[in-house]
């Protein structure tokens, strides 16, 4: 009987040691998980800061694009005016040429009279 008791005792001791080791491992796992959670919180905080900075950058870009769009509208208007002015100048040149031709004809007619 003493052998059986000794065997039981060894089994119980072995189980208790195993439980103790398991508890130790679990405590380490919990500690590691707490560290991971802390690191994740830091990462989330950094990401929130990054998002905030990106939002600010987007607002700045929107203002720049708005300003750029206004400048582009002004440039388009200037180009349109320039083209229109060139057309007017071309038309005026053609008129001057016709008038010069008319003057030349009138001079010839006046000489013949």
N, C-alpha and C. Protein backbone atom coordinates (compact mmCIF):
# COMPACT_ATOMS: atom_id res chain seq x y z
N UNK A 1 0.79 -1.19 0.00
CA UNK A 1 0.00 0.00 0.00
C UNK A 1 0.83 1.26 0.00
N UNK A 2 1.95 1.13 0.66
CA UNK A 2 2.79 2.31 0.71
C UNK A 2 3.31 2.66 -0.68
N UNK A 3 3.53 1.63 -1.52
CA UNK A 3 3.94 1.91 -2.89
C UNK A 3 2.84 2.63 -3.65
N UNK A 4 1.64 2.22 -3.45
CA UNK A 4 0.51 2.86 -4.11
C UNK A 4 0.37 4.28 -3.63
N UNK A 5 0.51 4.48 -2.39
CA UNK A 5 0.43 5.82 -1.82
C UNK A 5 1.56 6.69 -2.36
N UNK A 6 2.75 6.09 -2.42
CA UNK A 6 3.90 6.84 -2.93
C UNK A 6 3.69 7.20 -4.39
N UNK A 7 3.12 6.29 -5.14
CA UNK A 7 2.82 6.54 -6.55
C UNK A 7 1.79 7.64 -6.69
N UNK A 8 0.78 7.59 -5.83
CA UNK A 8 -0.25 8.63 -5.85
C UNK A 8 0.35 9.98 -5.50
N UNK A 9 1.20 9.96 -4.49
CA UNK A 9 1.85 11.20 -4.06
C UNK A 9 2.70 11.77 -5.19
N UNK A 10 3.45 10.91 -5.83
CA UNK A 10 4.27 11.36 -6.97
C UNK A 10 3.39 11.93 -8.08
N UNK A 11 2.30 11.29 -8.34
CA UNK A 11 1.38 11.78 -9.37
C UNK A 11 0.83 13.14 -8.98
N UNK A 12 0.41 13.26 -7.73
CA UNK A 12 -0.14 14.53 -7.25
C UNK A 12 0.92 15.63 -7.30
N UNK A 13 2.13 15.29 -6.85
CA UNK A 13 3.23 16.27 -6.88
C UNK A 13 3.53 16.66 -8.31
N UNK A 14 3.58 15.68 -9.19
CA UNK A 14 3.85 15.92 -10.59
C UNK A 14 2.77 16.83 -11.19
N UNK A 15 1.51 16.54 -10.87
CA UNK A 15 0.39 17.36 -11.37
C UNK A 15 0.48 18.78 -10.83
N UNK A 16 0.85 18.92 -9.54
CA UNK A 16 0.96 20.25 -8.94
C UNK A 16 2.10 21.05 -9.58
N UNK A 17 3.20 20.35 -9.83
CA UNK A 17 4.34 21.02 -10.50
C UNK A 17 3.91 21.47 -11.90
N UNK A 18 3.20 20.60 -12.60
CA UNK A 18 2.71 20.92 -13.95
C UNK A 18 1.77 22.11 -13.91
N UNK A 19 0.87 22.13 -12.92
CA UNK A 19 -0.06 23.25 -12.75
C UNK A 19 0.71 24.54 -12.48
N UNK A 20 1.73 24.42 -11.61
CA UNK A 20 2.53 25.59 -11.26
C UNK A 20 3.25 26.14 -12.49
N UNK A 21 3.82 25.21 -13.27
CA UNK A 21 4.51 25.63 -14.51
C UNK A 21 3.51 26.26 -15.47
N UNK A 22 2.35 25.63 -15.60
CA UNK A 22 1.31 26.17 -16.49
C UNK A 22 0.88 27.56 -16.03
N UNK A 23 0.72 27.75 -14.74
CA UNK A 23 0.33 29.06 -14.20
C UNK A 23 1.43 30.08 -14.50
N UNK A 24 2.68 29.67 -14.33
CA UNK A 24 3.81 30.56 -14.64
C UNK A 24 3.81 30.97 -16.10
N UNK A 25 3.59 29.99 -16.97
CA UNK A 25 3.54 30.27 -18.42
C UNK A 25 2.37 31.20 -18.71
N UNK A 26 1.22 30.95 -18.08
CA UNK A 26 0.04 31.80 -18.30
C UNK A 26 0.30 33.23 -17.82
N UNK A 27 0.98 33.36 -16.67
CA UNK A 27 1.31 34.69 -16.16
C UNK A 27 2.22 35.43 -17.15
N UNK A 28 3.19 34.70 -17.70
CA UNK A 28 4.08 35.29 -18.71
C UNK A 28 3.29 35.70 -19.94
N UNK A 29 2.37 34.83 -20.37
CA UNK A 29 1.53 35.14 -21.53
C UNK A 29 0.69 36.39 -21.27
N UNK A 30 0.11 36.48 -20.07
CA UNK A 30 -0.70 37.65 -19.72
C UNK A 30 0.17 38.90 -19.74
N UNK A 31 1.36 38.80 -19.18
CA UNK A 31 2.27 39.94 -19.16
C UNK A 31 2.63 40.36 -20.60
N UNK A 32 2.91 39.37 -21.43
CA UNK A 32 3.23 39.66 -22.84
C UNK A 32 2.03 40.30 -23.54
N UNK A 33 0.84 39.81 -23.25
CA UNK A 33 -0.37 40.37 -23.85
C UNK A 33 -0.58 41.82 -23.40
N UNK A 34 -0.32 42.10 -22.12
CA UNK A 34 -0.44 43.47 -21.62
C UNK A 34 0.54 44.39 -22.35
N UNK A 35 1.76 43.90 -22.57
CA UNK A 35 2.75 44.67 -23.31
C UNK A 35 2.28 44.92 -24.74
N UNK A 36 1.74 43.87 -25.36
CA UNK A 36 1.22 44.01 -26.73
C UNK A 36 0.10 45.04 -26.79
N UNK A 37 -0.80 44.98 -25.81
CA UNK A 37 -1.92 45.93 -25.77
C UNK A 37 -1.40 47.35 -25.61
N UNK A 38 -0.41 47.52 -24.75
CA UNK A 38 0.18 48.84 -24.54
C UNK A 38 0.82 49.36 -25.83
N UNK A 39 1.54 48.48 -26.53
CA UNK A 39 2.15 48.86 -27.80
C UNK A 39 1.09 49.21 -28.84
N UNK A 40 0.01 48.43 -28.86
CA UNK A 40 -1.08 48.71 -29.80
C UNK A 40 -1.73 50.06 -29.51
N UNK A 41 -1.90 50.37 -28.23
CA UNK A 41 -2.47 51.67 -27.85
C UNK A 41 -1.58 52.80 -28.34
N UNK A 42 -0.26 52.61 -28.19
CA UNK A 42 0.69 53.61 -28.68
C UNK A 42 0.57 53.75 -30.20
N UNK A 43 0.49 52.61 -30.89
CA UNK A 43 0.36 52.64 -32.35
C UNK A 43 -0.92 53.35 -32.77
N UNK A 44 -2.01 53.08 -32.08
CA UNK A 44 -3.29 53.72 -32.38
C UNK A 44 -3.18 55.23 -32.18
N UNK A 45 -2.53 55.62 -31.10
CA UNK A 45 -2.35 57.04 -30.81
C UNK A 45 -1.53 57.70 -31.93
N UNK A 46 -0.46 57.03 -32.36
CA UNK A 46 0.36 57.56 -33.44
C UNK A 46 -0.42 57.64 -34.74
N UNK A 47 -1.24 56.63 -35.00
CA UNK A 47 -2.07 56.64 -36.21
C UNK A 47 -3.08 57.78 -36.18
N UNK A 48 -3.66 58.04 -35.00
CA UNK A 48 -4.60 59.16 -34.87
C UNK A 48 -3.90 60.47 -35.18
N UNK A 49 -2.67 60.61 -34.69
CA UNK A 49 -1.90 61.82 -34.98
C UNK A 49 -1.62 61.92 -36.47
N UNK A 50 -1.23 60.81 -37.09
CA UNK A 50 -0.98 60.80 -38.54
C UNK A 50 -2.23 61.17 -39.32
N UNK A 51 -3.37 60.63 -38.92
CA UNK A 51 -4.63 60.94 -39.61
C UNK A 51 -4.95 62.43 -39.47
N UNK A 52 -4.74 62.96 -38.29
CA UNK A 52 -4.98 64.38 -38.06
C UNK A 52 -4.08 65.23 -38.96
N UNK A 53 -2.80 64.85 -39.05
CA UNK A 53 -1.88 65.57 -39.92
C UNK A 53 -2.28 65.45 -41.38
N UNK A 54 -2.73 64.27 -41.77
CA UNK A 54 -3.18 64.07 -43.16
C UNK A 54 -4.41 64.93 -43.47
N UNK A 55 -5.32 65.03 -42.52
CA UNK A 55 -6.50 65.86 -42.72
C UNK A 55 -6.09 67.32 -42.91
N UNK A 56 -5.11 67.76 -42.12
CA UNK A 56 -4.62 69.13 -42.26
C UNK A 56 -3.98 69.31 -43.64
N UNK A 57 -3.20 68.34 -44.07
CA UNK A 57 -2.58 68.40 -45.39
C UNK A 57 -3.62 68.44 -46.50
N UNK A 58 -4.67 67.66 -46.34
CA UNK A 58 -5.74 67.64 -47.35
C UNK A 58 -6.42 69.01 -47.42
N UNK A 59 -6.67 69.61 -46.24
CA UNK A 59 -7.27 70.95 -46.24
C UNK A 59 -6.37 71.95 -46.96
N UNK A 60 -5.08 71.88 -46.68
CA UNK A 60 -4.13 72.78 -47.35
C UNK A 60 -4.13 72.56 -48.85
N UNK A 61 -4.14 71.28 -49.25
CA UNK A 61 -4.16 70.97 -50.69
C UNK A 61 -5.43 71.49 -51.34
N UNK A 62 -6.55 71.36 -50.65
CA UNK A 62 -7.82 71.87 -51.19
C UNK A 62 -7.73 73.38 -51.42
N UNK A 63 -7.15 74.09 -50.46
CA UNK A 63 -6.98 75.54 -50.62
C UNK A 63 -6.07 75.83 -51.80
N UNK A 64 -4.97 75.05 -51.91
CA UNK A 64 -4.04 75.27 -53.02
C UNK A 64 -4.72 75.00 -54.36
N UNK A 65 -5.48 73.91 -54.44
CA UNK A 65 -6.16 73.59 -55.69
C UNK A 65 -7.21 74.64 -56.03
N UNK A 66 -7.89 75.14 -55.00
CA UNK A 66 -8.87 76.19 -55.22
C UNK A 66 -8.18 77.42 -55.81
N UNK A 67 -7.04 77.78 -55.19
CA UNK A 67 -6.26 78.93 -55.67
C UNK A 67 -5.75 78.65 -57.08
N UNK A 68 -5.26 77.42 -57.30
CA UNK A 68 -4.76 77.02 -58.61
C UNK A 68 -5.88 77.10 -59.64
N UNK A 69 -7.07 76.62 -59.27
CA UNK A 69 -8.22 76.67 -60.18
C UNK A 69 -8.56 78.10 -60.56
N UNK A 70 -8.51 79.01 -59.58
CA UNK A 70 -8.79 80.42 -59.85
C UNK A 70 -7.76 80.97 -60.83
N UNK A 71 -6.49 80.62 -60.61
CA UNK A 71 -5.44 81.08 -61.52
C UNK A 71 -5.64 80.50 -62.92
N UNK A 72 -6.03 79.22 -62.97
CA UNK A 72 -6.25 78.60 -64.28
C UNK A 72 -7.40 79.27 -65.01
N UNK A 73 -8.46 79.63 -64.27
CA UNK A 73 -9.57 80.34 -64.89
C UNK A 73 -9.10 81.68 -65.45
N UNK A 74 -8.26 82.37 -64.67
CA UNK A 74 -7.74 83.66 -65.13
C UNK A 74 -6.86 83.48 -66.37
N UNK A 75 -6.04 82.44 -66.37
CA UNK A 75 -5.18 82.17 -67.53
C UNK A 75 -6.04 81.84 -68.75
N UNK A 76 -7.07 81.03 -68.55
CA UNK A 76 -7.95 80.68 -69.67
C UNK A 76 -8.62 81.93 -70.24
N UNK A 77 -9.05 82.82 -69.35
CA UNK A 77 -9.66 84.08 -69.81
C UNK A 77 -8.64 84.92 -70.57
N UNK A 78 -7.42 84.96 -70.08
CA UNK A 78 -6.36 85.72 -70.75
C UNK A 78 -6.06 85.14 -72.13
N UNK A 79 -6.00 83.82 -72.22
CA UNK A 79 -5.76 83.16 -73.51
C UNK A 79 -6.90 83.49 -74.47
N UNK A 80 -8.13 83.40 -73.97
CA UNK A 80 -9.29 83.71 -74.81
C UNK A 80 -9.21 85.16 -75.32
N UNK A 81 -8.89 86.07 -74.41
CA UNK A 81 -8.78 87.49 -74.78
C UNK A 81 -7.66 87.69 -75.80
N UNK A 82 -6.54 86.99 -75.60
CA UNK A 82 -5.40 87.10 -76.52
C UNK A 82 -5.77 86.61 -77.91
N UNK A 83 -6.44 85.47 -77.97
CA UNK A 83 -6.87 84.92 -79.26
C UNK A 83 -7.85 85.88 -79.92
N UNK A 84 -8.79 86.38 -79.15
CA UNK A 84 -9.77 87.33 -79.68
C UNK A 84 -9.07 88.58 -80.20
N UNK A 85 -8.09 89.08 -79.44
CA UNK A 85 -7.34 90.27 -79.86
C UNK A 85 -6.56 89.98 -81.14
N UNK A 86 -5.95 88.82 -81.23
CA UNK A 86 -5.21 88.46 -82.46
C UNK A 86 -6.16 88.42 -83.65
N UNK A 87 -7.34 87.85 -83.44
CA UNK A 87 -8.32 87.82 -84.53
C UNK A 87 -8.70 89.24 -84.94
N UNK A 88 -8.90 90.10 -83.95
CA UNK A 88 -9.23 91.51 -84.24
C UNK A 88 -8.10 92.18 -85.01
N UNK A 89 -6.86 91.93 -84.60
CA UNK A 89 -5.70 92.53 -85.28
C UNK A 89 -5.62 92.02 -86.71
N UNK A 90 -5.83 90.73 -86.89
CA UNK A 90 -5.80 90.16 -88.25
C UNK A 90 -6.87 90.80 -89.10
N UNK A 91 -8.06 90.95 -88.55
CA UNK A 91 -9.17 91.58 -89.28
C UNK A 91 -8.82 93.03 -89.63
N UNK A 92 -8.22 93.75 -88.68
CA UNK A 92 -7.84 95.14 -88.93
C UNK A 92 -6.75 95.23 -90.01
N UNK A 93 -5.82 94.31 -90.00
CA UNK A 93 -4.78 94.28 -91.03
C UNK A 93 -5.40 94.08 -92.41
N UNK A 94 -6.37 93.16 -92.46
CA UNK A 94 -7.05 92.91 -93.74
C UNK A 94 -7.78 94.17 -94.20
N UNK A 95 -8.42 94.87 -93.28
CA UNK A 95 -9.12 96.11 -93.63
C UNK A 95 -8.15 97.16 -94.13
N UNK A 96 -7.00 97.26 -93.44
CA UNK A 96 -5.99 98.25 -93.85
C UNK A 96 -5.50 97.93 -95.25
N UNK A 97 -5.28 96.64 -95.53
CA UNK A 97 -4.83 96.25 -96.87
C UNK A 97 -5.88 96.62 -97.92
N UNK A 98 -7.17 96.38 -97.58
CA UNK A 98 -8.24 96.74 -98.53
C UNK A 98 -8.29 98.25 -98.73
N UNK A 99 -8.13 98.98 -97.63
CA UNK A 99 -8.15 100.45 -97.73
C UNK A 99 -6.96 100.94 -98.54
N UNK A 100 -5.80 100.33 -98.32
CA UNK A 100 -4.63 100.72 -99.10
C UNK A 100 -4.87 100.44 -100.58
N UNK A 101 -5.50 99.30 -100.88
CA UNK A 101 -5.83 98.97 -102.27
C UNK A 101 -6.81 100.00 -102.83
N UNK A 102 -7.81 100.35 -102.01
CA UNK A 102 -8.79 101.34 -102.45
C UNK A 102 -8.11 102.69 -102.70
N UNK A 103 -7.19 103.08 -101.84
CA UNK A 103 -6.47 104.35 -102.00
C UNK A 103 -5.65 104.31 -103.27
N UNK A 104 -5.00 103.18 -103.51
CA UNK A 104 -4.19 103.04 -104.73
C UNK A 104 -5.08 103.18 -105.96
N UNK A 105 -6.22 102.53 -105.95
CA UNK A 105 -7.16 102.62 -107.08
C UNK A 105 -7.63 104.06 -107.24
N UNK A 106 -7.98 104.72 -106.12
CA UNK A 106 -8.45 106.11 -106.18
C UNK A 106 -7.37 107.03 -106.74
N UNK A 107 -6.13 106.77 -106.35
CA UNK A 107 -5.02 107.58 -106.88
C UNK A 107 -4.88 107.40 -108.38
N UNK A 108 -5.01 106.14 -108.83
CA UNK A 108 -4.91 105.88 -110.26
C UNK A 108 -6.06 106.54 -111.02
N UNK A 109 -7.24 106.48 -110.43
CA UNK A 109 -8.40 107.11 -111.06
C UNK A 109 -8.21 108.62 -111.11
N UNK A 110 -7.70 109.18 -110.00
CA UNK A 110 -7.50 110.62 -109.93
C UNK A 110 -6.45 111.05 -110.94
N UNK A 111 -5.44 110.30 -111.20
CA UNK A 111 -4.41 110.65 -112.17
C UNK A 111 -4.96 110.60 -113.59
N UNK A 112 -5.83 109.64 -113.82
CA UNK A 112 -6.39 109.50 -115.16
C UNK A 112 -7.40 110.59 -115.47
N UNK A 113 -7.92 111.21 -114.47
CA UNK A 113 -8.92 112.27 -114.71
C UNK A 113 -8.24 113.52 -114.96
